[in-house]
Amino acid sequence: MPNYNHWKVSGTYYEVCNCEAVCPCRRHGEREGGRSTYGNCDFALSWHITEGQADDMDLSNLSVVLVGSYDDDELGSPWRVIIYLDENGNTQQQRALSDIFLGRAGGGTLKNFAAAIGEVYAVRAARIALEHSPNQERMEVTGFVSAVTAQADLTDQPVSCGIPGHDRPGQEIIADHFWVEDKNLKWEVTGRCGFASDFAYRS
């Protein structure tokens, strides 16, 4: 169990997956999300925390990346994931980020997405570099993950994602490239979809 009582994190969010834009998992205007384009989803989610704390522990200016995969046709479609924690954080900060973003601390992350996590392959401290400027997004976990936006995918209706929350519509993008290479998770695709927004979770 977490050794703190209250937490909150907010900042910028960027994800890429192997679906075609607009990702069918997202809400697009009045259309609710549904199955992945190809029946399975390989994804990388990134958060840069501009303001954050767990009790009196500062979590600001740290980043987290969660990569994983799920199959639409498997019962419950459990996510199998690896979480990368900012190497600039100390051991206590990394532990708090792991608890929060894997849903072990409850609250907004568990409600929005972490309840879907079925198996955690690894928890790694890593060098994370995120660029979340509009239409110039980039996600790098040295040696493990790389994704970069090629262009915005302009839509005629609002697009939102359940991970940051449907109350936070954002920008659909098309990625120039997206690859992951780690034990248990490995893929490389080009021209697939992504999404950028902001987030705010709390206990």
N, C-alpha and C. Protein backbone atom coordinates (compact mmCIF):
# COMPACT_ATOMS: atom_id res chain seq x y z
N MET A 1 0.84 -1.20 0.00
CA MET A 1 0.00 0.00 0.00
C MET A 1 0.87 1.25 0.00
N PRO A 2 0.42 2.34 -0.67
CA PRO A 2 1.19 3.59 -0.66
C PRO A 2 1.39 4.10 0.76
N ASN A 3 2.53 4.74 1.00
CA ASN A 3 2.82 5.27 2.33
C ASN A 3 2.55 6.76 2.39
N TYR A 4 1.52 7.22 1.67
CA TYR A 4 1.07 8.60 1.72
C TYR A 4 -0.45 8.57 1.62
N ASN A 5 -1.09 9.66 2.02
CA ASN A 5 -2.56 9.69 2.09
C ASN A 5 -3.21 10.40 0.91
N HIS A 6 -2.60 11.47 0.44
CA HIS A 6 -3.22 12.27 -0.61
C HIS A 6 -2.19 12.55 -1.71
N TRP A 7 -2.65 12.58 -2.94
CA TRP A 7 -1.77 12.91 -4.05
C TRP A 7 -2.56 13.64 -5.13
N LYS A 8 -1.84 14.38 -5.96
CA LYS A 8 -2.43 15.00 -7.14
C LYS A 8 -1.31 15.28 -8.14
N VAL A 9 -1.61 15.10 -9.42
CA VAL A 9 -0.65 15.34 -10.49
C VAL A 9 -1.41 15.96 -11.66
N SER A 10 -0.79 16.92 -12.33
CA SER A 10 -1.39 17.53 -13.50
C SER A 10 -0.29 17.96 -14.46
N GLY A 11 -0.64 18.10 -15.73
CA GLY A 11 0.36 18.50 -16.72
C GLY A 11 -0.10 18.20 -18.13
N THR A 12 0.83 17.74 -18.97
CA THR A 12 0.55 17.50 -20.38
C THR A 12 0.62 16.01 -20.70
N TYR A 13 -0.13 15.62 -21.73
CA TYR A 13 -0.30 14.21 -22.07
C TYR A 13 -0.14 14.00 -23.58
N TYR A 14 0.52 12.90 -23.95
CA TYR A 14 0.70 12.54 -25.37
C TYR A 14 0.75 11.02 -25.47
N GLU A 15 0.00 10.48 -26.41
CA GLU A 15 0.00 9.04 -26.63
C GLU A 15 0.09 8.72 -28.11
N VAL A 16 0.57 7.53 -28.41
CA VAL A 16 0.60 7.01 -29.78
C VAL A 16 0.22 5.53 -29.71
N CYS A 17 -0.50 5.05 -30.73
CA CYS A 17 -0.80 3.63 -30.78
C CYS A 17 -0.79 3.16 -32.22
N ASN A 18 -1.12 1.89 -32.45
CA ASN A 18 -1.02 1.30 -33.78
C ASN A 18 -2.32 1.39 -34.57
N CYS A 19 -3.31 2.13 -34.06
CA CYS A 19 -4.57 2.29 -34.79
C CYS A 19 -4.44 3.36 -35.86
N GLU A 20 -5.42 3.39 -36.75
CA GLU A 20 -5.50 4.45 -37.76
C GLU A 20 -6.26 5.64 -37.18
N ALA A 21 -5.89 6.84 -37.61
CA ALA A 21 -6.56 8.06 -37.14
C ALA A 21 -7.92 8.22 -37.86
N VAL A 22 -8.94 8.73 -37.19
CA VAL A 22 -9.01 9.00 -35.76
C VAL A 22 -9.13 7.67 -35.04
N CYS A 23 -8.37 7.50 -33.96
CA CYS A 23 -8.39 6.23 -33.25
C CYS A 23 -9.81 5.83 -32.90
N PRO A 24 -10.25 4.63 -33.29
CA PRO A 24 -11.63 4.22 -32.99
C PRO A 24 -11.89 4.02 -31.50
N CYS A 25 -10.84 3.98 -30.69
CA CYS A 25 -11.03 3.88 -29.25
C CYS A 25 -11.49 5.21 -28.64
N ARG A 26 -11.28 6.30 -29.37
CA ARG A 26 -11.61 7.62 -28.82
C ARG A 26 -13.05 8.02 -29.13
N ARG A 27 -13.53 8.98 -28.36
CA ARG A 27 -14.82 9.60 -28.66
C ARG A 27 -14.60 10.67 -29.71
N HIS A 28 -15.36 10.59 -30.78
CA HIS A 28 -15.23 11.53 -31.90
C HIS A 28 -16.60 12.14 -32.14
N GLY A 29 -16.78 13.37 -31.69
CA GLY A 29 -18.10 13.96 -31.73
C GLY A 29 -19.07 13.16 -30.89
N GLU A 30 -20.15 12.69 -31.48
CA GLU A 30 -21.14 11.89 -30.75
C GLU A 30 -20.83 10.39 -30.81
N ARG A 31 -19.82 10.02 -31.58
CA ARG A 31 -19.49 8.60 -31.71
C ARG A 31 -18.67 8.14 -30.51
N GLU A 32 -19.16 7.13 -29.82
CA GLU A 32 -18.43 6.56 -28.68
C GLU A 32 -17.28 5.69 -29.17
N GLY A 33 -16.27 5.50 -28.32
CA GLY A 33 -15.13 4.66 -28.68
C GLY A 33 -15.53 3.19 -28.79
N GLY A 34 -14.76 2.45 -29.58
CA GLY A 34 -15.06 1.04 -29.79
C GLY A 34 -13.79 0.22 -29.97
N ARG A 35 -13.85 -0.78 -30.81
CA ARG A 35 -12.74 -1.70 -31.03
C ARG A 35 -11.56 -1.00 -31.71
N SER A 36 -10.39 -1.55 -31.46
CA SER A 36 -9.19 -1.07 -32.13
C SER A 36 -9.28 -1.36 -33.63
N THR A 37 -8.51 -0.60 -34.41
CA THR A 37 -8.54 -0.76 -35.87
C THR A 37 -8.24 -2.19 -36.29
N TYR A 38 -7.23 -2.80 -35.67
CA TYR A 38 -6.77 -4.12 -36.09
C TYR A 38 -7.08 -5.22 -35.06
N GLY A 39 -7.91 -4.92 -34.07
CA GLY A 39 -8.31 -5.93 -33.09
C GLY A 39 -7.37 -6.07 -31.92
N ASN A 40 -6.21 -5.41 -32.00
CA ASN A 40 -5.33 -5.36 -30.85
C ASN A 40 -4.71 -3.96 -30.80
N CYS A 41 -4.37 -3.50 -29.63
CA CYS A 41 -3.82 -2.16 -29.47
C CYS A 41 -2.43 -2.26 -28.85
N ASP A 42 -1.44 -1.70 -29.53
CA ASP A 42 -0.08 -1.54 -29.01
C ASP A 42 0.11 -0.04 -28.79
N PHE A 43 0.42 0.35 -27.57
CA PHE A 43 0.34 1.77 -27.23
C PHE A 43 1.51 2.23 -26.38
N ALA A 44 1.71 3.54 -26.39
CA ALA A 44 2.62 4.21 -25.46
C ALA A 44 1.94 5.49 -25.00
N LEU A 45 1.88 5.67 -23.71
CA LEU A 45 1.23 6.82 -23.09
C LEU A 45 2.28 7.60 -22.32
N SER A 46 2.26 8.93 -22.43
CA SER A 46 3.27 9.72 -21.72
C SER A 46 2.61 10.89 -21.00
N TRP A 47 3.13 11.15 -19.81
CA TRP A 47 2.66 12.26 -18.99
C TRP A 47 3.87 13.07 -18.51
N HIS A 48 3.81 14.38 -18.67
CA HIS A 48 4.78 15.26 -18.04
C HIS A 48 4.07 16.03 -16.94
N ILE A 49 4.54 15.85 -15.73
CA ILE A 49 3.88 16.45 -14.57
C ILE A 49 4.44 17.85 -14.36
N THR A 50 3.61 18.85 -14.56
CA THR A 50 4.05 20.22 -14.29
C THR A 50 3.84 20.59 -12.83
N GLU A 51 2.81 20.02 -12.21
CA GLU A 51 2.57 20.22 -10.79
C GLU A 51 2.12 18.90 -10.19
N GLY A 52 2.78 18.47 -9.11
CA GLY A 52 2.39 17.21 -8.50
C GLY A 52 2.94 17.06 -7.10
N GLN A 53 2.21 16.31 -6.29
CA GLN A 53 2.68 16.00 -4.95
C GLN A 53 1.97 14.78 -4.41
N ALA A 54 2.65 14.07 -3.51
CA ALA A 54 2.07 12.99 -2.73
C ALA A 54 2.34 13.34 -1.27
N ASP A 55 1.30 13.74 -0.54
CA ASP A 55 1.46 14.40 0.75
C ASP A 55 2.43 15.57 0.58
N ASP A 56 3.56 15.59 1.28
CA ASP A 56 4.49 16.72 1.14
C ASP A 56 5.64 16.41 0.17
N MET A 57 5.56 15.31 -0.57
CA MET A 57 6.60 14.95 -1.54
C MET A 57 6.31 15.63 -2.87
N ASP A 58 7.28 16.38 -3.39
CA ASP A 58 7.12 17.08 -4.66
C ASP A 58 7.32 16.11 -5.82
N LEU A 59 6.36 16.10 -6.77
CA LEU A 59 6.46 15.26 -7.97
C LEU A 59 6.51 16.11 -9.24
N SER A 60 6.67 17.41 -9.10
CA SER A 60 6.68 18.31 -10.25
C SER A 60 7.90 18.08 -11.13
N ASN A 61 7.71 18.34 -12.43
CA ASN A 61 8.79 18.27 -13.42
C ASN A 61 9.36 16.88 -13.61
N LEU A 62 8.54 15.86 -13.34
CA LEU A 62 8.92 14.48 -13.60
C LEU A 62 8.00 13.92 -14.69
N SER A 63 8.46 12.87 -15.36
CA SER A 63 7.71 12.28 -16.47
C SER A 63 7.53 10.78 -16.27
N VAL A 64 6.49 10.26 -16.89
CA VAL A 64 6.15 8.83 -16.83
C VAL A 64 5.74 8.39 -18.22
N VAL A 65 6.17 7.20 -18.62
CA VAL A 65 5.73 6.58 -19.87
C VAL A 65 5.25 5.17 -19.55
N LEU A 66 4.09 4.82 -20.08
CA LEU A 66 3.50 3.49 -19.91
C LEU A 66 3.30 2.90 -21.29
N VAL A 67 3.93 1.76 -21.57
CA VAL A 67 3.71 1.07 -22.85
C VAL A 67 3.01 -0.25 -22.58
N GLY A 68 2.22 -0.68 -23.55
CA GLY A 68 1.51 -1.93 -23.34
C GLY A 68 0.75 -2.38 -24.57
N SER A 69 0.04 -3.47 -24.38
CA SER A 69 -0.71 -4.08 -25.47
C SER A 69 -1.93 -4.79 -24.91
N TYR A 70 -3.01 -4.81 -25.69
CA TYR A 70 -4.17 -5.62 -25.31
C TYR A 70 -4.87 -6.12 -26.56
N ASP A 71 -5.64 -7.17 -26.38
CA ASP A 71 -6.37 -7.83 -27.46
C ASP A 71 -7.86 -7.61 -27.22
N ASP A 72 -8.56 -7.03 -28.21
CA ASP A 72 -9.99 -6.77 -28.05
C ASP A 72 -10.79 -8.05 -27.79
N ASP A 73 -10.32 -9.18 -28.30
CA ASP A 73 -11.09 -10.42 -28.21
C ASP A 73 -10.76 -11.27 -26.98
N GLU A 74 -9.76 -10.85 -26.20
CA GLU A 74 -9.48 -11.56 -24.96
C GLU A 74 -10.46 -11.09 -23.88
N LEU A 75 -10.95 -12.00 -23.08
CA LEU A 75 -11.92 -11.66 -22.05
C LEU A 75 -11.40 -10.53 -21.17
N GLY A 76 -12.12 -9.44 -21.13
CA GLY A 76 -11.73 -8.29 -20.32
C GLY A 76 -10.68 -7.40 -20.96
N SER A 77 -10.07 -7.84 -22.05
CA SER A 77 -9.01 -7.09 -22.76
C SER A 77 -7.98 -6.51 -21.80
N PRO A 78 -7.36 -7.36 -20.95
CA PRO A 78 -6.40 -6.83 -19.97
C PRO A 78 -5.16 -6.24 -20.64
N TRP A 79 -4.70 -5.12 -20.08
CA TRP A 79 -3.46 -4.52 -20.56
C TRP A 79 -2.27 -5.25 -19.95
N ARG A 80 -1.25 -5.48 -20.76
CA ARG A 80 0.04 -5.98 -20.28
C ARG A 80 1.06 -4.89 -20.54
N VAL A 81 1.72 -4.42 -19.49
CA VAL A 81 2.41 -3.14 -19.60
C VAL A 81 3.82 -3.16 -19.01
N ILE A 82 4.59 -2.16 -19.41
CA ILE A 82 5.85 -1.78 -18.77
C ILE A 82 5.74 -0.31 -18.45
N ILE A 83 6.15 0.09 -17.26
CA ILE A 83 6.13 1.50 -16.88
C ILE A 83 7.57 1.99 -16.71
N TYR A 84 7.83 3.14 -17.32
CA TYR A 84 9.14 3.79 -17.21
C TYR A 84 8.99 5.04 -16.35
N LEU A 85 9.86 5.16 -15.35
CA LEU A 85 9.80 6.24 -14.39
C LEU A 85 11.02 7.13 -14.55
N ASP A 86 10.82 8.40 -14.48
CA ASP A 86 11.86 9.40 -14.71
C ASP A 86 13.07 9.15 -13.81
N GLU A 87 14.23 8.95 -14.44
CA GLU A 87 15.45 8.70 -13.67
C GLU A 87 15.88 9.92 -12.86
N ASN A 88 15.31 11.09 -13.15
CA ASN A 88 15.62 12.28 -12.37
C ASN A 88 14.93 12.29 -11.01
N GLY A 89 13.96 11.42 -10.83
CA GLY A 89 13.32 11.30 -9.52
C GLY A 89 14.11 10.39 -8.60
N ASN A 90 13.99 10.62 -7.30
CA ASN A 90 14.64 9.72 -6.36
C ASN A 90 13.78 8.47 -6.15
N THR A 91 14.27 7.55 -5.33
CA THR A 91 13.58 6.27 -5.15
C THR A 91 12.17 6.47 -4.64
N GLN A 92 11.98 7.38 -3.69
CA GLN A 92 10.65 7.62 -3.12
C GLN A 92 9.71 8.23 -4.16
N GLN A 93 10.22 9.16 -4.94
CA GLN A 93 9.39 9.76 -5.99
C GLN A 93 9.01 8.73 -7.04
N GLN A 94 9.94 7.90 -7.44
CA GLN A 94 9.65 6.87 -8.43
C GLN A 94 8.62 5.87 -7.90
N ARG A 95 8.74 5.53 -6.64
CA ARG A 95 7.76 4.60 -6.06
C ARG A 95 6.37 5.23 -6.06
N ALA A 96 6.29 6.51 -5.72
CA ALA A 96 5.00 7.20 -5.72
C ALA A 96 4.41 7.25 -7.13
N LEU A 97 5.23 7.57 -8.13
CA LEU A 97 4.74 7.61 -9.50
C LEU A 97 4.26 6.24 -9.97
N SER A 98 4.98 5.20 -9.61
CA SER A 98 4.56 3.85 -9.95
C SER A 98 3.21 3.53 -9.32
N ASP A 99 3.05 3.83 -8.04
CA ASP A 99 1.78 3.59 -7.35
C ASP A 99 0.64 4.35 -8.02
N ILE A 100 0.89 5.61 -8.35
CA ILE A 100 -0.16 6.46 -8.92
C ILE A 100 -0.54 6.00 -10.31
N PHE A 101 0.43 5.81 -11.21
CA PHE A 101 0.11 5.55 -12.61
C PHE A 101 -0.23 4.09 -12.89
N LEU A 102 0.06 3.20 -11.97
CA LEU A 102 -0.42 1.81 -12.10
C LEU A 102 -1.74 1.60 -11.36
N GLY A 103 -2.26 2.67 -10.76
CA GLY A 103 -3.57 2.60 -10.11
C GLY A 103 -3.55 2.06 -8.70
N ARG A 104 -2.36 1.77 -8.16
CA ARG A 104 -2.29 1.18 -6.82
C ARG A 104 -2.65 2.18 -5.74
N ALA A 105 -2.60 3.48 -6.08
CA ALA A 105 -2.95 4.53 -5.12
C ALA A 105 -4.40 4.97 -5.28
N GLY A 106 -5.16 4.27 -6.14
CA GLY A 106 -6.56 4.63 -6.34
C GLY A 106 -6.71 5.95 -7.07
N GLY A 107 -7.86 6.58 -6.89
CA GLY A 107 -8.08 7.90 -7.45
C GLY A 107 -8.28 7.93 -8.95
N GLY A 108 -7.91 9.08 -9.55
CA GLY A 108 -8.24 9.34 -10.95
C GLY A 108 -7.60 8.41 -11.94
N THR A 109 -6.37 7.97 -11.70
CA THR A 109 -5.73 7.06 -12.66
C THR A 109 -6.42 5.70 -12.67
N LEU A 110 -6.79 5.21 -11.50
CA LEU A 110 -7.50 3.94 -11.44
C LEU A 110 -8.86 4.05 -12.14
N LYS A 111 -9.53 5.15 -11.91
CA LYS A 111 -10.85 5.36 -12.51
C LYS A 111 -10.76 5.49 -14.02
N ASN A 112 -9.76 6.23 -14.51
CA ASN A 112 -9.70 6.53 -15.94
C ASN A 112 -9.15 5.39 -16.79
N PHE A 113 -8.10 4.69 -16.29
CA PHE A 113 -7.48 3.69 -17.16
C PHE A 113 -6.82 2.53 -16.44
N ALA A 114 -6.27 2.72 -15.25
CA ALA A 114 -5.39 1.71 -14.67
C ALA A 114 -6.11 0.44 -14.23
N ALA A 115 -7.43 0.51 -14.07
CA ALA A 115 -8.17 -0.72 -13.74
C ALA A 115 -8.06 -1.75 -14.85
N ALA A 116 -7.70 -1.31 -16.07
CA ALA A 116 -7.56 -2.23 -17.20
C ALA A 116 -6.24 -3.00 -17.16
N ILE A 117 -5.29 -2.59 -16.33
CA ILE A 117 -3.98 -3.25 -16.30
C ILE A 117 -4.11 -4.63 -15.68
N GLY A 118 -3.71 -5.62 -16.46
CA GLY A 118 -3.81 -6.99 -15.97
C GLY A 118 -2.48 -7.56 -15.53
N GLU A 119 -1.39 -7.13 -16.18
CA GLU A 119 -0.06 -7.65 -15.84
C GLU A 119 0.97 -6.56 -16.05
N VAL A 120 1.88 -6.43 -15.11
CA VAL A 120 2.98 -5.48 -15.22
C VAL A 120 4.25 -6.28 -15.48
N TYR A 121 4.78 -6.18 -16.69
CA TYR A 121 5.99 -6.93 -17.03
C TYR A 121 7.21 -6.38 -16.31
N ALA A 122 7.29 -5.04 -16.19
CA ALA A 122 8.49 -4.44 -15.59
C ALA A 122 8.19 -3.02 -15.15
N VAL A 123 8.94 -2.59 -14.14
CA VAL A 123 8.95 -1.20 -13.68
C VAL A 123 10.40 -0.74 -13.79
N ARG A 124 10.66 0.28 -14.64
CA ARG A 124 12.03 0.66 -14.91
C ARG A 124 12.25 2.15 -14.69
N ALA A 125 13.33 2.51 -14.02
CA ALA A 125 13.82 3.88 -14.04
C ALA A 125 14.54 4.06 -15.38
N ALA A 126 14.29 5.19 -16.05
CA ALA A 126 14.84 5.37 -17.39
C ALA A 126 15.00 6.85 -17.70
N ARG A 127 15.79 7.11 -18.73
CA ARG A 127 15.94 8.48 -19.22
C ARG A 127 14.78 8.78 -20.16
N ILE A 128 13.94 9.70 -19.76
CA ILE A 128 12.73 10.05 -20.51
C ILE A 128 12.86 11.48 -21.02
N ALA A 129 12.60 11.67 -22.31
CA ALA A 129 12.58 12.99 -22.91
C ALA A 129 11.23 13.17 -23.61
N LEU A 130 10.44 14.13 -23.14
CA LEU A 130 9.12 14.39 -23.72
C LEU A 130 9.08 15.81 -24.27
N GLU A 131 8.48 15.96 -25.43
CA GLU A 131 8.16 17.26 -26.00
C GLU A 131 6.67 17.26 -26.29
N HIS A 132 5.92 18.09 -25.58
CA HIS A 132 4.47 18.09 -25.71
C HIS A 132 3.95 19.38 -26.34
N SER A 133 4.81 20.09 -27.10
CA SER A 133 4.34 21.28 -27.80
C SER A 133 3.38 20.87 -28.92
N PRO A 134 2.30 21.64 -29.15
CA PRO A 134 1.29 21.24 -30.14
C PRO A 134 1.87 20.95 -31.51
N ASN A 135 1.54 19.77 -32.02
CA ASN A 135 1.92 19.30 -33.35
C ASN A 135 3.42 19.09 -33.52
N GLN A 136 4.16 19.14 -32.42
CA GLN A 136 5.59 18.85 -32.44
C GLN A 136 5.94 17.82 -31.37
N GLU A 137 4.95 17.03 -30.99
CA GLU A 137 5.12 16.10 -29.87
C GLU A 137 6.17 15.04 -30.17
N ARG A 138 6.88 14.67 -29.12
CA ARG A 138 7.89 13.63 -29.21
C ARG A 138 7.96 12.89 -27.88
N MET A 139 8.19 11.60 -27.95
CA MET A 139 8.31 10.75 -26.77
C MET A 139 9.53 9.86 -26.96
N GLU A 140 10.48 9.95 -26.04
CA GLU A 140 11.68 9.13 -26.12
C GLU A 140 11.98 8.54 -24.74
N VAL A 141 12.11 7.24 -24.68
CA VAL A 141 12.67 6.56 -23.51
C VAL A 141 13.92 5.87 -24.03
N THR A 142 15.07 6.35 -23.63
CA THR A 142 16.32 5.93 -24.26
C THR A 142 16.48 4.42 -24.27
N GLY A 143 16.59 3.88 -25.49
CA GLY A 143 16.80 2.46 -25.67
C GLY A 143 15.54 1.62 -25.72
N PHE A 144 14.37 2.25 -25.44
CA PHE A 144 13.14 1.46 -25.33
C PHE A 144 11.97 1.95 -26.18
N VAL A 145 11.77 3.25 -26.28
CA VAL A 145 10.56 3.81 -26.89
C VAL A 145 10.91 5.05 -27.69
N SER A 146 10.30 5.17 -28.87
CA SER A 146 10.43 6.41 -29.64
C SER A 146 9.16 6.65 -30.45
N ALA A 147 8.65 7.88 -30.38
CA ALA A 147 7.50 8.28 -31.19
C ALA A 147 7.59 9.77 -31.43
N VAL A 148 7.17 10.20 -32.62
CA VAL A 148 7.20 11.62 -32.95
C VAL A 148 6.04 11.94 -33.89
N THR A 149 5.42 13.09 -33.67
CA THR A 149 4.31 13.53 -34.49
C THR A 149 4.80 13.96 -35.87
N ALA A 150 4.08 13.53 -36.91
CA ALA A 150 4.34 14.02 -38.27
C ALA A 150 3.47 15.23 -38.57
N GLN A 151 2.19 15.15 -38.19
CA GLN A 151 1.26 16.23 -38.48
C GLN A 151 0.01 16.07 -37.65
N ALA A 152 -0.71 17.17 -37.51
CA ALA A 152 -2.02 17.11 -36.87
C ALA A 152 -3.00 16.42 -37.81
N ASP A 153 -3.97 15.72 -37.25
CA ASP A 153 -5.07 15.17 -38.03
C ASP A 153 -6.29 16.03 -37.73
N LEU A 154 -6.57 16.97 -38.62
CA LEU A 154 -7.63 17.93 -38.38
C LEU A 154 -8.99 17.25 -38.50
N THR A 155 -9.83 17.46 -37.51
CA THR A 155 -11.13 16.81 -37.46
C THR A 155 -12.22 17.88 -37.40
N ASP A 156 -13.40 17.51 -37.90
CA ASP A 156 -14.51 18.46 -37.91
C ASP A 156 -15.32 18.41 -36.62
N GLN A 157 -15.00 17.47 -35.72
CA GLN A 157 -15.70 17.34 -34.45
C GLN A 157 -14.67 17.11 -33.34
N PRO A 158 -15.03 17.45 -32.10
CA PRO A 158 -14.08 17.27 -31.00
C PRO A 158 -13.69 15.80 -30.81
N VAL A 159 -12.45 15.59 -30.43
CA VAL A 159 -11.93 14.25 -30.13
C VAL A 159 -11.48 14.23 -28.68
N SER A 160 -11.84 13.17 -27.97
CA SER A 160 -11.42 13.03 -26.57
C SER A 160 -11.05 11.59 -26.29
N CYS A 161 -10.27 11.40 -25.24
CA CYS A 161 -9.74 10.10 -24.87
C CYS A 161 -10.03 9.85 -23.39
N GLY A 162 -10.41 8.64 -23.07
CA GLY A 162 -10.76 8.33 -21.69
C GLY A 162 -9.58 8.34 -20.74
N ILE A 163 -8.34 8.28 -21.24
CA ILE A 163 -7.19 8.21 -20.34
C ILE A 163 -6.95 9.54 -19.63
N PRO A 164 -6.84 10.68 -20.36
CA PRO A 164 -6.84 11.94 -19.63
C PRO A 164 -8.24 12.32 -19.16
N GLY A 165 -9.27 11.79 -19.84
CA GLY A 165 -10.66 12.07 -19.47
C GLY A 165 -11.39 12.75 -20.61
N HIS A 166 -12.65 12.39 -20.80
CA HIS A 166 -13.43 12.96 -21.90
C HIS A 166 -13.80 14.41 -21.66
N ASP A 167 -13.56 14.91 -20.46
CA ASP A 167 -13.77 16.34 -20.20
C ASP A 167 -12.60 17.17 -20.70
N ARG A 168 -11.57 16.52 -21.30
CA ARG A 168 -10.37 17.21 -21.77
C ARG A 168 -10.12 16.88 -23.23
N PRO A 169 -10.94 17.41 -24.15
CA PRO A 169 -10.70 17.14 -25.57
C PRO A 169 -9.33 17.65 -25.99
N GLY A 170 -8.77 17.02 -27.02
CA GLY A 170 -7.43 17.37 -27.45
C GLY A 170 -7.27 17.27 -28.95
N GLN A 171 -6.03 17.10 -29.38
CA GLN A 171 -5.68 17.08 -30.80
C GLN A 171 -5.30 15.68 -31.25
N GLU A 172 -6.00 15.16 -32.23
CA GLU A 172 -5.60 13.91 -32.87
C GLU A 172 -4.40 14.20 -33.77
N ILE A 173 -3.44 13.28 -33.79
CA ILE A 173 -2.26 13.47 -34.63
C ILE A 173 -1.97 12.19 -35.42
N ILE A 174 -1.10 12.33 -36.39
CA ILE A 174 -0.55 11.18 -37.12
C ILE A 174 0.94 11.14 -36.83
N ALA A 175 1.42 9.99 -36.39
CA ALA A 175 2.82 9.85 -36.00
C ALA A 175 3.70 9.55 -37.20
N ASP A 176 4.87 10.16 -37.21
CA ASP A 176 5.87 9.84 -38.22
C ASP A 176 6.39 8.42 -38.01
N HIS A 177 6.73 8.10 -36.75
CA HIS A 177 7.15 6.74 -36.42
C HIS A 177 6.79 6.45 -34.97
N PHE A 178 6.73 5.16 -34.67
CA PHE A 178 6.42 4.72 -33.31
C PHE A 178 6.99 3.32 -33.15
N TRP A 179 7.99 3.22 -32.27
CA TRP A 179 8.54 1.89 -31.99
C TRP A 179 8.76 1.69 -30.49
N VAL A 180 8.65 0.45 -30.11
CA VAL A 180 8.93 -0.01 -28.75
C VAL A 180 9.77 -1.26 -28.87
N GLU A 181 10.82 -1.34 -28.06
CA GLU A 181 11.65 -2.55 -28.04
C GLU A 181 12.07 -2.82 -26.60
N ASP A 182 11.43 -3.79 -26.00
CA ASP A 182 11.73 -4.20 -24.63
C ASP A 182 11.32 -5.67 -24.51
N LYS A 183 11.74 -6.29 -23.45
CA LYS A 183 11.35 -7.67 -23.23
C LYS A 183 9.84 -7.74 -23.13
N ASN A 184 9.22 -8.64 -23.87
CA ASN A 184 7.79 -8.90 -23.91
C ASN A 184 7.00 -7.94 -24.80
N LEU A 185 7.54 -6.77 -25.11
CA LEU A 185 6.82 -5.80 -25.94
C LEU A 185 7.76 -5.28 -27.02
N LYS A 186 7.36 -5.47 -28.29
CA LYS A 186 8.21 -5.02 -29.38
C LYS A 186 7.36 -4.81 -30.62
N TRP A 187 7.45 -3.62 -31.24
CA TRP A 187 6.78 -3.34 -32.50
C TRP A 187 7.35 -2.08 -33.12
N GLU A 188 7.06 -1.89 -34.39
CA GLU A 188 7.45 -0.67 -35.10
C GLU A 188 6.42 -0.40 -36.19
N VAL A 189 5.84 0.81 -36.17
CA VAL A 189 4.84 1.19 -37.16
C VAL A 189 5.10 2.63 -37.57
N THR A 190 4.53 3.02 -38.69
CA THR A 190 4.61 4.40 -39.16
C THR A 190 3.22 4.87 -39.59
N GLY A 191 3.00 6.18 -39.49
CA GLY A 191 1.77 6.77 -39.99
C GLY A 191 0.52 6.41 -39.21
N ARG A 192 0.68 6.02 -37.96
CA ARG A 192 -0.48 5.65 -37.14
C ARG A 192 -0.89 6.82 -36.25
N CYS A 193 -1.88 6.61 -35.39
CA CYS A 193 -2.52 7.73 -34.72
C CYS A 193 -1.90 8.05 -33.36
N GLY A 194 -2.22 9.23 -32.88
CA GLY A 194 -1.83 9.67 -31.56
C GLY A 194 -2.79 10.75 -31.08
N PHE A 195 -2.55 11.22 -29.88
CA PHE A 195 -3.46 12.19 -29.27
C PHE A 195 -2.71 12.99 -28.23
N ALA A 196 -2.98 14.28 -28.18
CA ALA A 196 -2.31 15.15 -27.21
C ALA A 196 -3.37 16.00 -26.49
N SER A 197 -3.17 16.15 -25.18
CA SER A 197 -4.11 16.92 -24.37
C SER A 197 -3.40 17.30 -23.09
N ASP A 198 -4.18 17.66 -22.07
CA ASP A 198 -3.64 17.84 -20.73
C ASP A 198 -4.32 16.86 -19.79
N PHE A 199 -3.88 16.80 -18.55
CA PHE A 199 -4.48 15.87 -17.59
C PHE A 199 -4.42 16.46 -16.20
N ALA A 200 -5.28 15.95 -15.34
CA ALA A 200 -5.25 16.28 -13.91
C ALA A 200 -5.90 15.13 -13.17
N TYR A 201 -5.12 14.41 -12.40
CA TYR A 201 -5.61 13.30 -11.58
C TYR A 201 -5.38 13.62 -10.12
N ARG A 202 -6.20 13.03 -9.25
CA ARG A 202 -5.99 13.20 -7.82
C ARG A 202 -6.53 12.00 -7.08
N SER A 203 -6.12 11.87 -5.83
CA SER A 203 -6.57 10.74 -5.00
C SER A 203 -8.04 10.89 -4.63
